[in-house]
Amino acid sequence: MKLLLDTNALIWLLSGKDQLGQGARDAINDERNSIFVSAVSIYEMAVKIRIGKLTIDLDTAITRIDESDIERMEIEDKHCLTMTTIIAVPGHRDPLGLMLIAQAMSDGLTIISRDHRLKAYPVNVLAC
């Protein structure tokens, strides 16, 4: 299975805190699965650090990602094109979240996230 970590799941994974659910932890630790992190999540973490909502060392976080088995995913044209077809559900207009959905849709990924609103989109979601 190909898994895309939502930003919240990535932060919890990097922090080592036991906030990920057992199903998400099992899926991440299953060597048969490929784990991806989007440039969108790195950007979102930078924004949260800048406005004081997140207190991690981003350089260390990026190094840990690069030294792990997690694959980096950049934003590609196909993701942007897919994003133009997504109709936001009421109460969910977050453009960063919509780009993660577009990436998951384009590349056949399952998103690991705590955001229950993602289930309203045509994408597989594994709750964390």
N, C-alpha and C. Protein backbone atom coordinates (compact mmCIF):
# COMPACT_ATOMS: atom_id res chain seq x y z
N MET A 1 0.85 -1.17 0.00
CA MET A 1 0.00 0.00 0.00
C MET A 1 0.90 1.24 0.00
N LYS A 2 0.45 2.28 -0.67
CA LYS A 2 1.17 3.55 -0.71
C LYS A 2 0.44 4.52 0.21
N LEU A 3 1.15 5.05 1.20
CA LEU A 3 0.55 5.89 2.23
C LEU A 3 1.12 7.30 2.17
N LEU A 4 0.25 8.29 2.24
CA LEU A 4 0.64 9.70 2.28
C LEU A 4 0.32 10.23 3.67
N LEU A 5 1.35 10.70 4.37
CA LEU A 5 1.14 11.24 5.71
C LEU A 5 0.58 12.65 5.63
N ASP A 6 -0.57 12.86 6.24
CA ASP A 6 -1.08 14.22 6.42
C ASP A 6 -0.11 14.92 7.37
N THR A 7 -0.12 16.22 7.38
CA THR A 7 0.83 16.98 8.19
C THR A 7 0.73 16.60 9.66
N ASN A 8 -0.49 16.43 10.17
CA ASN A 8 -0.63 16.07 11.59
C ASN A 8 0.02 14.72 11.88
N ALA A 9 -0.15 13.76 11.00
CA ALA A 9 0.46 12.44 11.19
C ALA A 9 1.98 12.54 11.12
N LEU A 10 2.49 13.35 10.22
CA LEU A 10 3.94 13.53 10.10
C LEU A 10 4.51 14.14 11.37
N ILE A 11 3.87 15.17 11.89
CA ILE A 11 4.35 15.82 13.11
C ILE A 11 4.35 14.82 14.26
N TRP A 12 3.30 14.03 14.40
CA TRP A 12 3.25 13.05 15.48
C TRP A 12 4.31 11.98 15.31
N LEU A 13 4.53 11.55 14.07
CA LEU A 13 5.55 10.54 13.81
C LEU A 13 6.93 11.07 14.18
N LEU A 14 7.23 12.30 13.78
CA LEU A 14 8.53 12.89 14.05
C LEU A 14 8.73 13.18 15.54
N SER A 15 7.65 13.51 16.23
CA SER A 15 7.76 13.87 17.65
C SER A 15 7.96 12.64 18.53
N GLY A 16 7.59 11.48 18.00
CA GLY A 16 7.71 10.26 18.79
C GLY A 16 6.61 10.10 19.83
N LYS A 17 5.68 11.05 19.84
CA LYS A 17 4.57 10.96 20.79
C LYS A 17 3.62 9.85 20.35
N ASP A 18 2.93 9.29 21.29
CA ASP A 18 2.04 8.17 21.03
C ASP A 18 0.65 8.65 20.62
N GLN A 19 0.60 9.58 19.67
CA GLN A 19 -0.69 10.13 19.24
C GLN A 19 -1.25 9.43 18.01
N LEU A 20 -0.42 8.68 17.32
CA LEU A 20 -0.91 7.92 16.17
C LEU A 20 -1.66 6.71 16.67
N GLY A 21 -2.79 6.41 16.05
CA GLY A 21 -3.54 5.22 16.40
C GLY A 21 -2.78 3.96 16.01
N GLN A 22 -3.19 2.85 16.59
CA GLN A 22 -2.50 1.59 16.35
C GLN A 22 -2.52 1.20 14.87
N GLY A 23 -3.66 1.40 14.21
CA GLY A 23 -3.76 1.05 12.79
C GLY A 23 -2.78 1.85 11.94
N ALA A 24 -2.66 3.14 12.24
CA ALA A 24 -1.73 4.00 11.50
C ALA A 24 -0.30 3.59 11.78
N ARG A 25 0.03 3.32 13.04
CA ARG A 25 1.40 2.89 13.39
C ARG A 25 1.75 1.58 12.70
N ASP A 26 0.80 0.65 12.72
CA ASP A 26 1.04 -0.65 12.07
C ASP A 26 1.29 -0.47 10.58
N ALA A 27 0.50 0.37 9.93
CA ALA A 27 0.65 0.60 8.49
C ALA A 27 1.98 1.26 8.17
N ILE A 28 2.38 2.24 8.99
CA ILE A 28 3.65 2.93 8.77
C ILE A 28 4.82 1.98 8.97
N ASN A 29 4.72 1.10 9.95
CA ASN A 29 5.82 0.18 10.27
C ASN A 29 5.85 -1.07 9.38
N ASP A 30 4.81 -1.27 8.59
CA ASP A 30 4.75 -2.43 7.71
C ASP A 30 5.70 -2.20 6.52
N GLU A 31 6.74 -2.99 6.43
CA GLU A 31 7.75 -2.80 5.40
C GLU A 31 7.23 -3.00 3.98
N ARG A 32 6.06 -3.60 3.85
CA ARG A 32 5.47 -3.77 2.51
C ARG A 32 4.88 -2.47 1.98
N ASN A 33 4.63 -1.50 2.88
CA ASN A 33 4.02 -0.23 2.49
C ASN A 33 5.09 0.80 2.16
N SER A 34 4.76 1.67 1.23
CA SER A 34 5.60 2.82 0.90
C SER A 34 5.00 4.04 1.58
N ILE A 35 5.84 4.82 2.26
CA ILE A 35 5.37 6.00 3.00
C ILE A 35 5.86 7.25 2.28
N PHE A 36 4.95 8.19 2.06
CA PHE A 36 5.26 9.43 1.37
C PHE A 36 4.95 10.62 2.25
N VAL A 37 5.73 11.68 2.09
CA VAL A 37 5.43 12.96 2.70
C VAL A 37 5.50 14.02 1.60
N SER A 38 4.51 14.86 1.56
CA SER A 38 4.40 15.88 0.53
C SER A 38 5.16 17.15 0.90
N ALA A 39 5.65 17.83 -0.12
CA ALA A 39 6.23 19.16 0.08
C ALA A 39 5.20 20.08 0.74
N VAL A 40 3.93 19.81 0.52
CA VAL A 40 2.85 20.58 1.14
C VAL A 40 2.97 20.52 2.66
N SER A 41 3.28 19.36 3.20
CA SER A 41 3.38 19.21 4.65
C SER A 41 4.59 19.94 5.20
N ILE A 42 5.70 19.92 4.48
CA ILE A 42 6.90 20.66 4.90
C ILE A 42 6.57 22.16 4.93
N TYR A 43 5.89 22.63 3.89
CA TYR A 43 5.48 24.03 3.83
C TYR A 43 4.54 24.37 4.98
N GLU A 44 3.56 23.51 5.24
CA GLU A 44 2.61 23.77 6.32
C GLU A 44 3.31 23.82 7.68
N MET A 45 4.28 22.95 7.89
CA MET A 45 5.02 22.99 9.15
C MET A 45 5.79 24.31 9.26
N ALA A 46 6.39 24.77 8.17
CA ALA A 46 7.12 26.04 8.19
C ALA A 46 6.19 27.20 8.54
N VAL A 47 4.99 27.20 7.96
CA VAL A 47 4.02 28.25 8.27
C VAL A 47 3.64 28.21 9.75
N LYS A 48 3.37 27.01 10.27
CA LYS A 48 2.98 26.88 11.68
C LYS A 48 4.12 27.30 12.62
N ILE A 49 5.35 27.01 12.25
CA ILE A 49 6.48 27.45 13.06
C ILE A 49 6.55 28.98 13.05
N ARG A 50 6.41 29.56 11.88
CA ARG A 50 6.51 31.02 11.73
C ARG A 50 5.47 31.76 12.54
N ILE A 51 4.24 31.21 12.62
CA ILE A 51 3.18 31.91 13.36
C ILE A 51 3.07 31.45 14.81
N GLY A 52 3.98 30.58 15.24
CA GLY A 52 4.03 30.18 16.64
C GLY A 52 3.11 29.04 17.04
N LYS A 53 2.55 28.31 16.08
CA LYS A 53 1.66 27.19 16.40
C LYS A 53 2.38 25.85 16.47
N LEU A 54 3.67 25.84 16.12
CA LEU A 54 4.44 24.61 16.15
C LEU A 54 5.85 24.96 16.58
N THR A 55 6.37 24.18 17.50
CA THR A 55 7.72 24.44 18.00
C THR A 55 8.60 23.20 17.79
N ILE A 56 9.01 23.02 16.55
CA ILE A 56 9.98 21.97 16.24
C ILE A 56 11.09 22.61 15.42
N ASP A 57 12.22 21.94 15.33
CA ASP A 57 13.31 22.40 14.48
C ASP A 57 13.06 21.80 13.09
N LEU A 58 12.68 22.64 12.14
CA LEU A 58 12.31 22.16 10.81
C LEU A 58 13.50 21.51 10.09
N ASP A 59 14.69 22.07 10.26
CA ASP A 59 15.86 21.49 9.62
C ASP A 59 16.10 20.07 10.12
N THR A 60 15.96 19.85 11.42
CA THR A 60 16.11 18.51 11.99
C THR A 60 15.01 17.59 11.48
N ALA A 61 13.79 18.10 11.40
CA ALA A 61 12.67 17.29 10.91
C ALA A 61 12.92 16.84 9.48
N ILE A 62 13.38 17.76 8.64
CA ILE A 62 13.66 17.41 7.24
C ILE A 62 14.78 16.38 7.16
N THR A 63 15.81 16.55 7.96
CA THR A 63 16.92 15.59 7.99
C THR A 63 16.42 14.21 8.40
N ARG A 64 15.56 14.16 9.41
CA ARG A 64 15.02 12.87 9.86
C ARG A 64 14.19 12.21 8.77
N ILE A 65 13.42 12.99 8.04
CA ILE A 65 12.63 12.45 6.93
C ILE A 65 13.58 11.88 5.87
N ASP A 66 14.59 12.66 5.51
CA ASP A 66 15.51 12.24 4.45
C ASP A 66 16.34 11.02 4.84
N GLU A 67 16.58 10.83 6.14
CA GLU A 67 17.36 9.69 6.61
C GLU A 67 16.49 8.45 6.85
N SER A 68 15.19 8.60 6.70
CA SER A 68 14.27 7.48 6.92
C SER A 68 13.91 6.84 5.58
N ASP A 69 12.99 5.89 5.64
CA ASP A 69 12.48 5.25 4.42
C ASP A 69 11.32 6.03 3.81
N ILE A 70 11.02 7.19 4.36
CA ILE A 70 9.92 8.00 3.84
C ILE A 70 10.35 8.65 2.53
N GLU A 71 9.48 8.56 1.53
CA GLU A 71 9.77 9.16 0.23
C GLU A 71 9.16 10.55 0.16
N ARG A 72 9.90 11.47 -0.43
CA ARG A 72 9.42 12.84 -0.59
C ARG A 72 8.58 12.94 -1.86
N MET A 73 7.52 13.74 -1.79
CA MET A 73 6.64 13.94 -2.94
C MET A 73 6.54 15.45 -3.22
N GLU A 74 6.93 15.83 -4.40
CA GLU A 74 6.83 17.23 -4.81
C GLU A 74 5.45 17.46 -5.42
N ILE A 75 5.10 18.72 -5.58
CA ILE A 75 3.84 19.07 -6.26
C ILE A 75 4.11 19.06 -7.76
N GLU A 76 3.36 18.26 -8.47
CA GLU A 76 3.52 18.13 -9.92
C GLU A 76 2.31 18.73 -10.63
N ASP A 77 2.46 18.98 -11.91
CA ASP A 77 1.36 19.53 -12.71
C ASP A 77 0.09 18.68 -12.58
N LYS A 78 0.26 17.34 -12.62
CA LYS A 78 -0.92 16.47 -12.55
C LYS A 78 -1.67 16.67 -11.24
N HIS A 79 -0.97 16.98 -10.16
CA HIS A 79 -1.63 17.23 -8.87
C HIS A 79 -2.44 18.52 -8.94
N CYS A 80 -1.85 19.53 -9.57
CA CYS A 80 -2.56 20.81 -9.71
C CYS A 80 -3.80 20.65 -10.59
N LEU A 81 -3.67 19.87 -11.67
CA LEU A 81 -4.82 19.64 -12.54
C LEU A 81 -5.92 18.88 -11.81
N THR A 82 -5.54 17.89 -11.03
CA THR A 82 -6.54 17.14 -10.24
C THR A 82 -7.21 18.05 -9.23
N MET A 83 -6.43 18.95 -8.62
CA MET A 83 -7.00 19.85 -7.61
C MET A 83 -8.11 20.72 -8.21
N THR A 84 -8.00 21.05 -9.49
CA THR A 84 -9.04 21.88 -10.11
C THR A 84 -10.37 21.16 -10.23
N THR A 85 -10.36 19.83 -10.11
CA THR A 85 -11.60 19.05 -10.24
C THR A 85 -12.26 18.74 -8.90
N ILE A 86 -11.58 19.05 -7.80
CA ILE A 86 -12.10 18.72 -6.48
C ILE A 86 -13.09 19.78 -6.02
N ILE A 87 -14.25 19.33 -5.62
CA ILE A 87 -15.25 20.23 -5.04
C ILE A 87 -15.12 20.12 -3.53
N ALA A 88 -14.79 21.24 -2.90
CA ALA A 88 -14.60 21.24 -1.45
C ALA A 88 -15.92 20.97 -0.75
N VAL A 89 -15.86 20.11 0.26
CA VAL A 89 -17.06 19.83 1.05
C VAL A 89 -17.26 20.99 2.02
N PRO A 90 -18.51 21.23 2.43
CA PRO A 90 -18.76 22.32 3.38
C PRO A 90 -17.89 22.18 4.63
N GLY A 91 -17.30 23.28 5.03
CA GLY A 91 -16.47 23.29 6.22
C GLY A 91 -15.03 22.88 5.98
N HIS A 92 -14.68 22.57 4.73
CA HIS A 92 -13.30 22.16 4.43
C HIS A 92 -12.84 22.85 3.16
N ARG A 93 -12.20 24.00 3.33
CA ARG A 93 -11.71 24.75 2.18
C ARG A 93 -10.20 24.93 2.24
N ASP A 94 -9.53 24.19 3.10
CA ASP A 94 -8.09 24.31 3.29
C ASP A 94 -7.36 23.93 2.01
N PRO A 95 -6.70 24.89 1.35
CA PRO A 95 -6.02 24.56 0.09
C PRO A 95 -4.87 23.57 0.26
N LEU A 96 -4.23 23.57 1.41
CA LEU A 96 -3.14 22.61 1.63
C LEU A 96 -3.71 21.19 1.75
N GLY A 97 -4.80 21.05 2.47
CA GLY A 97 -5.46 19.76 2.58
C GLY A 97 -5.99 19.28 1.24
N LEU A 98 -6.51 20.21 0.45
CA LEU A 98 -7.02 19.85 -0.88
C LEU A 98 -5.89 19.38 -1.81
N MET A 99 -4.70 19.97 -1.65
CA MET A 99 -3.58 19.51 -2.47
C MET A 99 -3.15 18.11 -2.06
N LEU A 100 -3.17 17.81 -0.76
CA LEU A 100 -2.86 16.44 -0.33
C LEU A 100 -3.88 15.46 -0.91
N ILE A 101 -5.15 15.85 -0.93
CA ILE A 101 -6.19 15.01 -1.52
C ILE A 101 -5.91 14.81 -3.01
N ALA A 102 -5.55 15.89 -3.69
CA ALA A 102 -5.25 15.80 -5.13
C ALA A 102 -4.07 14.87 -5.38
N GLN A 103 -3.05 14.95 -4.53
CA GLN A 103 -1.90 14.06 -4.69
C GLN A 103 -2.30 12.61 -4.47
N ALA A 104 -3.11 12.39 -3.44
CA ALA A 104 -3.57 11.02 -3.16
C ALA A 104 -4.41 10.48 -4.31
N MET A 105 -5.29 11.32 -4.83
CA MET A 105 -6.14 10.89 -5.95
C MET A 105 -5.30 10.59 -7.19
N SER A 106 -4.36 11.46 -7.51
CA SER A 106 -3.55 11.32 -8.72
C SER A 106 -2.64 10.10 -8.67
N ASP A 107 -2.12 9.80 -7.47
CA ASP A 107 -1.10 8.76 -7.36
C ASP A 107 -1.57 7.50 -6.64
N GLY A 108 -2.88 7.41 -6.39
CA GLY A 108 -3.43 6.21 -5.77
C GLY A 108 -2.92 5.96 -4.35
N LEU A 109 -2.82 7.02 -3.57
CA LEU A 109 -2.32 6.92 -2.21
C LEU A 109 -3.45 6.91 -1.19
N THR A 110 -3.21 6.28 -0.07
CA THR A 110 -4.11 6.34 1.08
C THR A 110 -3.54 7.38 2.03
N ILE A 111 -4.38 8.32 2.45
CA ILE A 111 -3.93 9.38 3.36
C ILE A 111 -4.09 8.91 4.80
N ILE A 112 -3.02 9.07 5.59
CA ILE A 112 -3.11 8.85 7.03
C ILE A 112 -3.36 10.21 7.66
N SER A 113 -4.54 10.37 8.27
CA SER A 113 -4.93 11.68 8.81
C SER A 113 -5.94 11.53 9.93
N ARG A 114 -6.01 12.53 10.78
CA ARG A 114 -7.05 12.58 11.81
C ARG A 114 -8.26 13.39 11.34
N ASP A 115 -8.15 14.03 10.18
CA ASP A 115 -9.21 14.89 9.66
C ASP A 115 -10.33 14.03 9.06
N HIS A 116 -11.41 13.89 9.81
CA HIS A 116 -12.53 13.05 9.37
C HIS A 116 -13.21 13.59 8.11
N ARG A 117 -13.03 14.87 7.81
CA ARG A 117 -13.67 15.46 6.62
C ARG A 117 -13.09 14.90 5.32
N LEU A 118 -11.90 14.33 5.38
CA LEU A 118 -11.29 13.79 4.16
C LEU A 118 -12.07 12.61 3.61
N LYS A 119 -12.84 11.95 4.46
CA LYS A 119 -13.63 10.79 4.01
C LYS A 119 -14.73 11.19 3.04
N ALA A 120 -15.01 12.48 2.94
CA ALA A 120 -16.03 12.96 2.01
C ALA A 120 -15.49 13.06 0.57
N TYR A 121 -14.19 12.86 0.41
CA TYR A 121 -13.56 12.95 -0.91
C TYR A 121 -13.30 11.55 -1.47
N PRO A 122 -13.11 11.45 -2.78
CA PRO A 122 -12.88 10.14 -3.40
C PRO A 122 -11.43 9.66 -3.20
N VAL A 123 -11.07 9.44 -1.94
CA VAL A 123 -9.72 9.02 -1.60
C VAL A 123 -9.80 8.11 -0.38
N ASN A 124 -8.89 7.15 -0.29
CA ASN A 124 -8.84 6.27 0.88
C ASN A 124 -8.17 7.00 2.02
N VAL A 125 -8.76 6.88 3.21
CA VAL A 125 -8.23 7.54 4.41
C VAL A 125 -8.05 6.48 5.50
N LEU A 126 -6.90 6.50 6.13
CA LEU A 126 -6.63 5.67 7.30
C LEU A 126 -6.54 6.61 8.49
N ALA A 127 -7.46 6.48 9.43
CA ALA A 127 -7.51 7.38 10.58
C ALA A 127 -6.29 7.17 11.46
N CYS A 128 -5.81 8.29 11.98
CA CYS A 128 -4.67 8.18 12.91
C CYS A 128 -5.05 8.66 14.30
